[in-house]
All heavy atoms as atom14 arrays in JSON, in Angstrom:
{
  "sequence": "GQYPKGVPEQFLIKGLDSDTTEKVKPFVDVAEGLGININGRAGGV",
  "atom14_mask": [
    [1, 1, 1, 1, 0, 0, 0, 0, 0, 0, 0, 0, 0, 0],
    [1, 1, 1, 1, 1, 1, 1, 1, 1, 0, 0, 0, 0, 0],
    [1, 1, 1, 1, 1, 1, 1, 1, 1, 1, 1, 1, 0, 0],
    [1, 1, 1, 1, 1, 1, 1, 0, 0, 0, 0, 0, 0, 0],
    [1, 1, 1, 1, 1, 1, 1, 1, 1, 0, 0, 0, 0, 0],
    [1, 1, 1, 1, 0, 0, 0, 0, 0, 0, 0, 0, 0, 0],
    [1, 1, 1, 1, 1, 1, 1, 0, 0, 0, 0, 0, 0, 0],
    [1, 1, 1, 1, 1, 1, 1, 0, 0, 0, 0, 0, 0, 0],
    [1, 1, 1, 1, 1, 1, 1, 1, 1, 0, 0, 0, 0, 0],
    [1, 1, 1, 1, 1, 1, 1, 1, 1, 0, 0, 0, 0, 0],
    [1, 1, 1, 1, 1, 1, 1, 1, 1, 1, 1, 0, 0, 0],
    [1, 1, 1, 1, 1, 1, 1, 1, 0, 0, 0, 0, 0, 0],
    [1, 1, 1, 1, 1, 1, 1, 1, 0, 0, 0, 0, 0, 0],
    [1, 1, 1, 1, 1, 1, 1, 1, 1, 0, 0, 0, 0, 0],
    [1, 1, 1, 1, 0, 0, 0, 0, 0, 0, 0, 0, 0, 0],
    [1, 1, 1, 1, 1, 1, 1, 1, 0, 0, 0, 0, 0, 0],
    [1, 1, 1, 1, 1, 1, 1, 1, 0, 0, 0, 0, 0, 0],
    [1, 1, 1, 1, 1, 1, 0, 0, 0, 0, 0, 0, 0, 0],
    [1, 1, 1, 1, 1, 1, 1, 1, 0, 0, 0, 0, 0, 0],
    [1, 1, 1, 1, 1, 1, 1, 0, 0, 0, 0, 0, 0, 0],
    [1, 1, 1, 1, 1, 1, 1, 0, 0, 0, 0, 0, 0, 0],
    [1, 1, 1, 1, 1, 1, 1, 1, 1, 0, 0, 0, 0, 0],
    [1, 1, 1, 1, 1, 1, 1, 1, 1, 0, 0, 0, 0, 0],
    [1, 1, 1, 1, 1, 1, 1, 0, 0, 0, 0, 0, 0, 0],
    [1, 1, 1, 1, 1, 1, 1, 1, 1, 0, 0, 0, 0, 0],
    [1, 1, 1, 1, 1, 1, 1, 0, 0, 0, 0, 0, 0, 0],
    [1, 1, 1, 1, 1, 1, 1, 1, 1, 1, 1, 0, 0, 0],
    [1, 1, 1, 1, 1, 1, 1, 0, 0, 0, 0, 0, 0, 0],
    [1, 1, 1, 1, 1, 1, 1, 1, 0, 0, 0, 0, 0, 0],
    [1, 1, 1, 1, 1, 1, 1, 0, 0, 0, 0, 0, 0, 0],
    [1, 1, 1, 1, 1, 0, 0, 0, 0, 0, 0, 0, 0, 0],
    [1, 1, 1, 1, 1, 1, 1, 1, 1, 0, 0, 0, 0, 0],
    [1, 1, 1, 1, 0, 0, 0, 0, 0, 0, 0, 0, 0, 0],
    [1, 1, 1, 1, 1, 1, 1, 1, 0, 0, 0, 0, 0, 0],
    [1, 1, 1, 1, 0, 0, 0, 0, 0, 0, 0, 0, 0, 0],
    [1, 1, 1, 1, 1, 1, 1, 1, 0, 0, 0, 0, 0, 0],
    [1, 1, 1, 1, 1, 1, 1, 1, 0, 0, 0, 0, 0, 0],
    [1, 1, 1, 1, 1, 1, 1, 1, 0, 0, 0, 0, 0, 0],
    [1, 1, 1, 1, 1, 1, 1, 1, 0, 0, 0, 0, 0, 0],
    [1, 1, 1, 1, 0, 0, 0, 0, 0, 0, 0, 0, 0, 0],
    [1, 1, 1, 1, 1, 1, 1, 1, 1, 1, 1, 0, 0, 0],
    [1, 1, 1, 1, 1, 0, 0, 0, 0, 0, 0, 0, 0, 0],
    [1, 1, 1, 1, 0, 0, 0, 0, 0, 0, 0, 0, 0, 0],
    [1, 1, 1, 1, 0, 0, 0, 0, 0, 0, 0, 0, 0, 0],
    [1, 1, 1, 1, 1, 1, 1, 0, 0, 0, 0, 0, 0, 0]
  ],
  "atom14_positions": [
    [[12.1, 2.92, 0.45], [12.05, 3.62, -0.86], [13.08, 3.08, -1.82], [13.48, 3.79, -2.76], [0.0, 0.0, 0.0], [0.0, 0.0, 0.0], [0.0, 0.0, 0.0], [0.0, 0.0, 0.0], [0.0, 0.0, 0.0], [0.0, 0.0, 0.0], [0.0, 0.0, 0.0], [0.0, 0.0, 0.0], [0.0, 0.0, 0.0], [0.0, 0.0, 0.0]],
    [[13.53, 1.83, -1.62], [14.62, 1.29, -2.44], [14.19, 0.1, -3.3], [15.01, -0.65, -3.79], [15.79, 0.88, -1.54], [16.41, 2.04, -0.79], [17.52, 1.58, 0.17], [18.02, 0.47, 0.06], [17.88, 2.45, 1.09], [0.0, 0.0, 0.0], [0.0, 0.0, 0.0], [0.0, 0.0, 0.0], [0.0, 0.0, 0.0], [0.0, 0.0, 0.0]],
    [[12.86, -0.08, -3.44], [12.37, -1.13, -4.33], [12.07, -0.51, -5.7], [11.49, 0.58, -5.75], [11.1, -1.78, -3.79], [10.48, -2.8, -4.72], [10.82, -4.14, -4.63], [9.6, -2.4, -5.74], [10.3, -5.07, -5.53], [9.08, -3.33, -6.63], [9.42, -4.65, -6.51], [8.91, -5.59, -7.4], [0.0, 0.0, 0.0], [0.0, 0.0, 0.0]],
    [[12.46, -1.12, -6.8], [13.13, -2.42, -6.93], [14.65, -2.32, -7.02], [15.35, -3.33, -6.92], [12.56, -2.96, -8.24], [12.33, -1.72, -9.07], [11.92, -0.65, -8.1], [0.0, 0.0, 0.0], [0.0, 0.0, 0.0], [0.0, 0.0, 0.0], [0.0, 0.0, 0.0], [0.0, 0.0, 0.0], [0.0, 0.0, 0.0], [0.0, 0.0, 0.0]],
    [[15.17, -1.11, -7.25], [16.59, -0.98, -7.6], [17.52, -1.44, -6.5], [18.62, -1.94, -6.76], [16.89, 0.47, -7.97], [16.22, 0.93, -9.27], [16.59, 2.36, -9.63], [15.95, 2.78, -10.95], [16.3, 4.18, -11.31], [0.0, 0.0, 0.0], [0.0, 0.0, 0.0], [0.0, 0.0, 0.0], [0.0, 0.0, 0.0], [0.0, 0.0, 0.0]],
    [[17.1, -1.3, -5.24], [18.01, -1.64, -4.15], [18.0, -3.11, -3.8], [18.9, -3.59, -3.09], [0.0, 0.0, 0.0], [0.0, 0.0, 0.0], [0.0, 0.0, 0.0], [0.0, 0.0, 0.0], [0.0, 0.0, 0.0], [0.0, 0.0, 0.0], [0.0, 0.0, 0.0], [0.0, 0.0, 0.0], [0.0, 0.0, 0.0], [0.0, 0.0, 0.0]],
    [[17.04, -3.86, -4.29], [16.94, -5.29, -3.93], [17.96, -6.08, -4.72], [18.06, -5.96, -5.95], [15.53, -5.83, -4.24], [15.38, -7.25, -3.72], [14.45, -4.92, -3.63], [0.0, 0.0, 0.0], [0.0, 0.0, 0.0], [0.0, 0.0, 0.0], [0.0, 0.0, 0.0], [0.0, 0.0, 0.0], [0.0, 0.0, 0.0], [0.0, 0.0, 0.0]],
    [[18.76, -6.91, -4.05], [19.7, -7.78, -4.77], [18.98, -8.58, -5.85], [17.89, -9.13, -5.6], [20.26, -8.69, -3.66], [20.13, -7.86, -2.42], [18.87, -7.09, -2.58], [0.0, 0.0, 0.0], [0.0, 0.0, 0.0], [0.0, 0.0, 0.0], [0.0, 0.0, 0.0], [0.0, 0.0, 0.0], [0.0, 0.0, 0.0], [0.0, 0.0, 0.0]],
    [[19.56, -8.61, -7.03], [18.9, -9.21, -8.2], [18.38, -10.62, -7.93], [17.27, -10.99, -8.33], [19.87, -9.24, -9.38], [19.31, -9.83, -10.66], [18.14, -8.99, -11.23], [18.13, -7.76, -10.97], [17.27, -9.57, -11.91], [0.0, 0.0, 0.0], [0.0, 0.0, 0.0], [0.0, 0.0, 0.0], [0.0, 0.0, 0.0], [0.0, 0.0, 0.0]],
    [[19.18, -11.42, -7.2], [18.79, -12.81, -6.99], [17.6, -12.95, -6.05], [16.95, -14.01, -6.01], [19.97, -13.64, -6.47], [20.42, -13.31, -5.04], [21.46, -12.23, -4.98], [21.45, -11.31, -5.81], [22.39, -12.33, -4.04], [0.0, 0.0, 0.0], [0.0, 0.0, 0.0], [0.0, 0.0, 0.0], [0.0, 0.0, 0.0], [0.0, 0.0, 0.0]],
    [[17.27, -11.88, -5.3], [16.15, -11.95, -4.36], [14.97, -11.07, -4.77], [13.94, -11.04, -4.11], [16.61, -11.5, -2.96], [17.77, -12.28, -2.41], [18.79, -11.65, -1.7], [17.87, -13.66, -2.64], [19.86, -12.36, -1.2], [18.96, -14.38, -2.14], [19.95, -13.73, -1.42], [0.0, 0.0, 0.0], [0.0, 0.0, 0.0], [0.0, 0.0, 0.0]],
    [[15.11, -10.38, -5.87], [14.07, -9.45, -6.31], [12.83, -10.19, -6.79], [12.92, -11.17, -7.53], [14.61, -8.56, -7.45], [13.62, -7.58, -8.1], [13.17, -6.53, -7.08], [14.23, -6.93, -9.32], [0.0, 0.0, 0.0], [0.0, 0.0, 0.0], [0.0, 0.0, 0.0], [0.0, 0.0, 0.0], [0.0, 0.0, 0.0], [0.0, 0.0, 0.0]],
    [[11.67, -9.71, -6.36], [10.39, -10.15, -6.93], [9.91, -9.01, -7.82], [9.48, -7.96, -7.32], [9.34, -10.47, -5.84], [9.88, -11.53, -4.87], [8.04, -10.95, -6.48], [8.94, -11.83, -3.72], [0.0, 0.0, 0.0], [0.0, 0.0, 0.0], [0.0, 0.0, 0.0], [0.0, 0.0, 0.0], [0.0, 0.0, 0.0], [0.0, 0.0, 0.0]],
    [[10.01, -9.2, -9.11], [9.72, -8.1, -10.03], [8.21, -7.82, -10.11], [7.38, -8.71, -9.91], [10.25, -8.45, -11.42], [11.76, -8.58, -11.5], [12.22, -8.93, -12.91], [13.74, -9.05, -12.96], [14.22, -9.41, -14.32], [0.0, 0.0, 0.0], [0.0, 0.0, 0.0], [0.0, 0.0, 0.0], [0.0, 0.0, 0.0], [0.0, 0.0, 0.0]],
    [[7.91, -6.57, -10.42], [6.54, -6.21, -10.75], [5.61, -5.94, -9.59], [4.41, -5.75, -9.79], [0.0, 0.0, 0.0], [0.0, 0.0, 0.0], [0.0, 0.0, 0.0], [0.0, 0.0, 0.0], [0.0, 0.0, 0.0], [0.0, 0.0, 0.0], [0.0, 0.0, 0.0], [0.0, 0.0, 0.0], [0.0, 0.0, 0.0], [0.0, 0.0, 0.0]],
    [[6.12, -5.91, -8.36], [5.24, -5.68, -7.21], [4.68, -4.26, -7.19], [3.67, -3.99, -6.54], [5.98, -5.95, -5.89], [6.41, -7.38, -5.64], [7.07, -7.51, -4.28], [5.23, -8.35, -5.76], [0.0, 0.0, 0.0], [0.0, 0.0, 0.0], [0.0, 0.0, 0.0], [0.0, 0.0, 0.0], [0.0, 0.0, 0.0], [0.0, 0.0, 0.0]],
    [[5.34, -3.34, -7.92], [4.84, -1.97, -7.97], [4.11, -1.68, -9.29], [3.77, -0.52, -9.57], [6.0, -0.98, -7.81], [7.09, -1.18, -8.85], [7.08, -2.22, -9.56], [7.97, -0.31, -8.96], [0.0, 0.0, 0.0], [0.0, 0.0, 0.0], [0.0, 0.0, 0.0], [0.0, 0.0, 0.0], [0.0, 0.0, 0.0], [0.0, 0.0, 0.0]],
    [[3.91, -2.72, -10.08], [3.22, -2.52, -11.37], [1.71, -2.53, -11.15], [1.22, -2.95, -10.11], [3.62, -3.6, -12.37], [3.2, -4.87, -11.91], [0.0, 0.0, 0.0], [0.0, 0.0, 0.0], [0.0, 0.0, 0.0], [0.0, 0.0, 0.0], [0.0, 0.0, 0.0], [0.0, 0.0, 0.0], [0.0, 0.0, 0.0], [0.0, 0.0, 0.0]],
    [[0.98, -2.08, -12.17], [-0.46, -2.0, -12.07], [-1.1, -2.89, -13.12], [-0.45, -3.34, -14.07], [-0.93, -0.55, -12.24], [-2.16, -0.24, -11.42], [-2.88, -1.19, -11.08], [-2.38, 0.93, -11.1], [0.0, 0.0, 0.0], [0.0, 0.0, 0.0], [0.0, 0.0, 0.0], [0.0, 0.0, 0.0], [0.0, 0.0, 0.0], [0.0, 0.0, 0.0]],
    [[-2.4, -3.12, -12.95], [-3.13, -3.88, -13.95], [-3.55, -2.95, -15.09], [-3.42, -1.75, -15.0], [-4.38, -4.51, -13.31], [-5.11, -3.48, -12.67], [-4.0, -5.55, -12.28], [0.0, 0.0, 0.0], [0.0, 0.0, 0.0], [0.0, 0.0, 0.0], [0.0, 0.0, 0.0], [0.0, 0.0, 0.0], [0.0, 0.0, 0.0], [0.0, 0.0, 0.0]],
    [[-4.05, -3.55, -16.15], [-4.53, -2.7, -17.27], [-5.69, -1.84, -16.87], [-5.78, -0.69, -17.25], [-5.01, -3.6, -18.45], [-4.75, -4.94, -18.15], [-4.33, -3.27, -19.69], [0.0, 0.0, 0.0], [0.0, 0.0, 0.0], [0.0, 0.0, 0.0], [0.0, 0.0, 0.0], [0.0, 0.0, 0.0], [0.0, 0.0, 0.0], [0.0, 0.0, 0.0]],
    [[-6.58, -2.39, -16.07], [-7.71, -1.6, -15.56], [-7.21, -0.77, -14.37], [-6.55, -1.29, -13.46], [-8.85, -2.53, -15.1], [-9.41, -3.4, -16.21], [-10.26, -2.61, -17.2], [-10.65, -1.48, -16.86], [-10.49, -3.13, -18.32], [0.0, 0.0, 0.0], [0.0, 0.0, 0.0], [0.0, 0.0, 0.0], [0.0, 0.0, 0.0], [0.0, 0.0, 0.0]],
    [[-7.53, 0.5, -14.39], [-7.09, 1.37, -13.3], [-8.24, 2.18, -12.75], [-9.24, 2.41, -13.44], [-6.0, 2.34, -13.8], [-4.69, 1.68, -14.19], [-3.67, 2.7, -14.64], [-2.33, 2.06, -14.92], [-2.35, 1.07, -15.98], [0.0, 0.0, 0.0], [0.0, 0.0, 0.0], [0.0, 0.0, 0.0], [0.0, 0.0, 0.0], [0.0, 0.0, 0.0]],
    [[-8.09, 2.59, -11.5], [-9.04, 3.5, -10.88], [-8.26, 4.64, -10.23], [-7.05, 4.55, -10.04], [-9.92, 2.79, -9.81], [-10.75, 1.7, -10.43], [-9.06, 2.25, -8.67], [0.0, 0.0, 0.0], [0.0, 0.0, 0.0], [0.0, 0.0, 0.0], [0.0, 0.0, 0.0], [0.0, 0.0, 0.0], [0.0, 0.0, 0.0], [0.0, 0.0, 0.0]],
    [[-8.95, 5.7, -9.92], [-8.29, 6.82, -9.26], [-8.03, 6.47, -7.8], [-8.81, 5.77, -7.15], [-9.16, 8.06, -9.35], [-9.32, 8.55, -10.78], [-10.2, 9.78, -10.83], [-10.36, 10.24, -12.27], [-11.24, 11.42, -12.37], [0.0, 0.0, 0.0], [0.0, 0.0, 0.0], [0.0, 0.0, 0.0], [0.0, 0.0, 0.0], [0.0, 0.0, 0.0]],
    [[-6.91, 6.94, -7.26], [-6.52, 6.54, -5.9], [-7.44, 7.1, -4.8], [-7.83, 8.26, -4.84], [-5.11, 7.11, -5.77], [-5.04, 8.23, -6.76], [-5.92, 7.81, -7.91], [0.0, 0.0, 0.0], [0.0, 0.0, 0.0], [0.0, 0.0, 0.0], [0.0, 0.0, 0.0], [0.0, 0.0, 0.0], [0.0, 0.0, 0.0], [0.0, 0.0, 0.0]],
    [[-7.74, 6.23, -3.85], [-8.44, 6.63, -2.64], [-7.43, 7.23, -1.66], [-6.24, 6.96, -1.75], [-9.11, 5.42, -2.0], [-10.33, 4.89, -2.71], [-10.22, 4.34, -4.0], [-11.57, 4.91, -2.11], [-11.35, 3.84, -4.66], [-12.69, 4.41, -2.76], [-12.58, 3.88, -4.04], [0.0, 0.0, 0.0], [0.0, 0.0, 0.0], [0.0, 0.0, 0.0]],
    [[-7.92, 8.0, -0.7], [-7.04, 8.61, 0.31], [-7.61, 8.3, 1.7], [-8.81, 8.5, 1.95], [-6.95, 10.13, 0.11], [-6.07, 10.76, 1.19], [-6.4, 10.46, -1.26], [0.0, 0.0, 0.0], [0.0, 0.0, 0.0], [0.0, 0.0, 0.0], [0.0, 0.0, 0.0], [0.0, 0.0, 0.0], [0.0, 0.0, 0.0], [0.0, 0.0, 0.0]],
    [[-6.76, 7.82, 2.59], [-7.18, 7.53, 3.97], [-7.29, 8.84, 4.76], [-6.28, 9.52, 4.99], [-6.18, 6.59, 4.62], [-6.62, 6.14, 6.03], [-7.69, 6.56, 6.48], [-5.86, 5.36, 6.65], [0.0, 0.0, 0.0], [0.0, 0.0, 0.0], [0.0, 0.0, 0.0], [0.0, 0.0, 0.0], [0.0, 0.0, 0.0], [0.0, 0.0, 0.0]],
    [[-8.51, 9.19, 5.19], [-8.73, 10.45, 5.9], [-9.15, 10.23, 7.36], [-9.6, 11.15, 8.03], [-9.79, 11.31, 5.17], [-9.31, 11.69, 3.78], [-11.13, 10.58, 5.09], [0.0, 0.0, 0.0], [0.0, 0.0, 0.0], [0.0, 0.0, 0.0], [0.0, 0.0, 0.0], [0.0, 0.0, 0.0], [0.0, 0.0, 0.0], [0.0, 0.0, 0.0]],
    [[-9.02, 9.0, 7.84], [-9.49, 8.68, 9.19], [-8.79, 9.51, 10.27], [-9.42, 9.98, 11.21], [-9.33, 7.19, 9.48], [0.0, 0.0, 0.0], [0.0, 0.0, 0.0], [0.0, 0.0, 0.0], [0.0, 0.0, 0.0], [0.0, 0.0, 0.0], [0.0, 0.0, 0.0], [0.0, 0.0, 0.0], [0.0, 0.0, 0.0], [0.0, 0.0, 0.0]],
    [[-7.47, 9.68, 10.11], [-6.72, 10.41, 11.13], [-7.19, 11.88, 11.22], [-7.43, 12.4, 12.31], [-5.24, 10.35, 10.84], [-4.38, 11.03, 11.91], [-2.88, 10.88, 11.66], [-2.5, 10.7, 10.47], [-2.11, 10.95, 12.62], [0.0, 0.0, 0.0], [0.0, 0.0, 0.0], [0.0, 0.0, 0.0], [0.0, 0.0, 0.0], [0.0, 0.0, 0.0]],
    [[-7.35, 12.51, 10.07], [-7.8, 13.9, 10.09], [-9.17, 14.08, 10.7], [-9.47, 15.11, 11.32], [0.0, 0.0, 0.0], [0.0, 0.0, 0.0], [0.0, 0.0, 0.0], [0.0, 0.0, 0.0], [0.0, 0.0, 0.0], [0.0, 0.0, 0.0], [0.0, 0.0, 0.0], [0.0, 0.0, 0.0], [0.0, 0.0, 0.0], [0.0, 0.0, 0.0]],
    [[-10.02, 13.05, 10.56], [-11.37, 13.12, 11.12], [-11.43, 12.69, 12.59], [-12.47, 12.82, 13.23], [-12.32, 12.23, 10.3], [-12.71, 12.76, 8.91], [-13.4, 11.66, 8.12], [-13.61, 13.96, 9.05], [0.0, 0.0, 0.0], [0.0, 0.0, 0.0], [0.0, 0.0, 0.0], [0.0, 0.0, 0.0], [0.0, 0.0, 0.0], [0.0, 0.0, 0.0]],
    [[-10.31, 12.16, 13.1], [-10.28, 11.7, 14.49], [-11.0, 10.4, 14.71], [-11.45, 10.11, 15.82], [0.0, 0.0, 0.0], [0.0, 0.0, 0.0], [0.0, 0.0, 0.0], [0.0, 0.0, 0.0], [0.0, 0.0, 0.0], [0.0, 0.0, 0.0], [0.0, 0.0, 0.0], [0.0, 0.0, 0.0], [0.0, 0.0, 0.0], [0.0, 0.0, 0.0]],
    [[-11.11, 9.57, 13.67], [-11.83, 8.3, 13.82], [-10.89, 7.12, 13.54], [-11.35, 6.03, 13.26], [-13.04, 8.23, 12.87], [-12.62, 8.41, 11.41], [-14.09, 9.29, 13.23], [-13.76, 8.23, 10.41], [0.0, 0.0, 0.0], [0.0, 0.0, 0.0], [0.0, 0.0, 0.0], [0.0, 0.0, 0.0], [0.0, 0.0, 0.0], [0.0, 0.0, 0.0]],
    [[-9.59, 7.36, 13.64], [-8.58, 6.33, 13.36], [-8.29, 5.53, 14.62], [-7.27, 5.69, 15.28], [-7.3, 6.95, 12.8], [-6.73, 8.02, 13.72], [-7.46, 8.73, 14.39], [-5.4, 8.12, 13.76], [0.0, 0.0, 0.0], [0.0, 0.0, 0.0], [0.0, 0.0, 0.0], [0.0, 0.0, 0.0], [0.0, 0.0, 0.0], [0.0, 0.0, 0.0]],
    [[-9.21, 4.66, 14.96], [-9.06, 3.83, 16.16], [-7.84, 2.93, 16.01], [-7.64, 2.28, 14.98], [-10.29, 2.93, 16.33], [-11.56, 3.77, 16.36], [-10.19, 2.09, 17.58], [-12.76, 2.99, 15.91], [0.0, 0.0, 0.0], [0.0, 0.0, 0.0], [0.0, 0.0, 0.0], [0.0, 0.0, 0.0], [0.0, 0.0, 0.0], [0.0, 0.0, 0.0]],
    [[-7.02, 2.86, 17.04], [-5.9, 1.93, 17.05], [-6.37, 0.7, 17.81], [-6.45, 0.72, 19.05], [-4.69, 2.56, 17.73], [-3.45, 1.7, 17.58], [-3.52, 0.6, 17.07], [-2.32, 2.22, 18.01], [0.0, 0.0, 0.0], [0.0, 0.0, 0.0], [0.0, 0.0, 0.0], [0.0, 0.0, 0.0], [0.0, 0.0, 0.0], [0.0, 0.0, 0.0]],
    [[-6.72, -0.35, 17.09], [-7.31, -1.5, 17.76], [-6.99, -2.81, 17.09], [-6.27, -2.87, 16.09], [0.0, 0.0, 0.0], [0.0, 0.0, 0.0], [0.0, 0.0, 0.0], [0.0, 0.0, 0.0], [0.0, 0.0, 0.0], [0.0, 0.0, 0.0], [0.0, 0.0, 0.0], [0.0, 0.0, 0.0], [0.0, 0.0, 0.0], [0.0, 0.0, 0.0]],
    [[-7.59, -3.84, 17.65], [-7.44, -5.17, 17.12], [-8.58, -5.49, 16.15], [-9.44, -4.66, 15.89], [-7.41, -6.18, 18.27], [-6.09, -6.2, 19.0], [-6.08, -7.16, 20.16], [-6.65, -6.57, 21.37], [-6.6, -7.14, 22.56], [-6.01, -8.31, 22.71], [-7.11, -6.55, 23.6], [0.0, 0.0, 0.0], [0.0, 0.0, 0.0], [0.0, 0.0, 0.0]],
    [[-8.58, -6.72, 15.65], [-9.63, -7.15, 14.72], [-11.0, -6.83, 15.28], [-11.25, -6.99, 16.47], [-9.48, -8.67, 14.49], [0.0, 0.0, 0.0], [0.0, 0.0, 0.0], [0.0, 0.0, 0.0], [0.0, 0.0, 0.0], [0.0, 0.0, 0.0], [0.0, 0.0, 0.0], [0.0, 0.0, 0.0], [0.0, 0.0, 0.0], [0.0, 0.0, 0.0]],
    [[-11.9, -6.41, 14.41], [-13.24, -6.09, 14.86], [-14.19, -5.82, 13.72], [-13.83, -5.93, 12.55], [0.0, 0.0, 0.0], [0.0, 0.0, 0.0], [0.0, 0.0, 0.0], [0.0, 0.0, 0.0], [0.0, 0.0, 0.0], [0.0, 0.0, 0.0], [0.0, 0.0, 0.0], [0.0, 0.0, 0.0], [0.0, 0.0, 0.0], [0.0, 0.0, 0.0]],
    [[-15.4, -5.44, 14.09], [-16.43, -5.19, 13.09], [-16.76, -3.71, 13.0], [-16.33, -2.91, 13.81], [0.0, 0.0, 0.0], [0.0, 0.0, 0.0], [0.0, 0.0, 0.0], [0.0, 0.0, 0.0], [0.0, 0.0, 0.0], [0.0, 0.0, 0.0], [0.0, 0.0, 0.0], [0.0, 0.0, 0.0], [0.0, 0.0, 0.0], [0.0, 0.0, 0.0]],
    [[-17.58, -3.39, 12.0], [-18.01, -2.01, 11.8], [-19.42, -1.99, 11.23], [-19.77, -2.85, 10.42], [-17.03, -1.24, 10.86], [-16.96, -1.89, 9.5], [-17.46, 0.21, 10.72], [0.0, 0.0, 0.0], [0.0, 0.0, 0.0], [0.0, 0.0, 0.0], [0.0, 0.0, 0.0], [0.0, 0.0, 0.0], [0.0, 0.0, 0.0], [0.0, 0.0, 0.0]]
  ]
}
C-alpha cells in the first residue's frame, strides 16, 4: 500500500495506478464465494 509515495524517486515507475481516458465499471471476482475458485495450474475452461 506504499505505491507511489513509498518508492524511492530514482526507482519509481510513475503512472502505474493511473487510468486511461476510456473507463468501465469495475468487475468483482466472486469465484471464492461461489466455491468455484480452483487452485490449479494452467488450463482450459
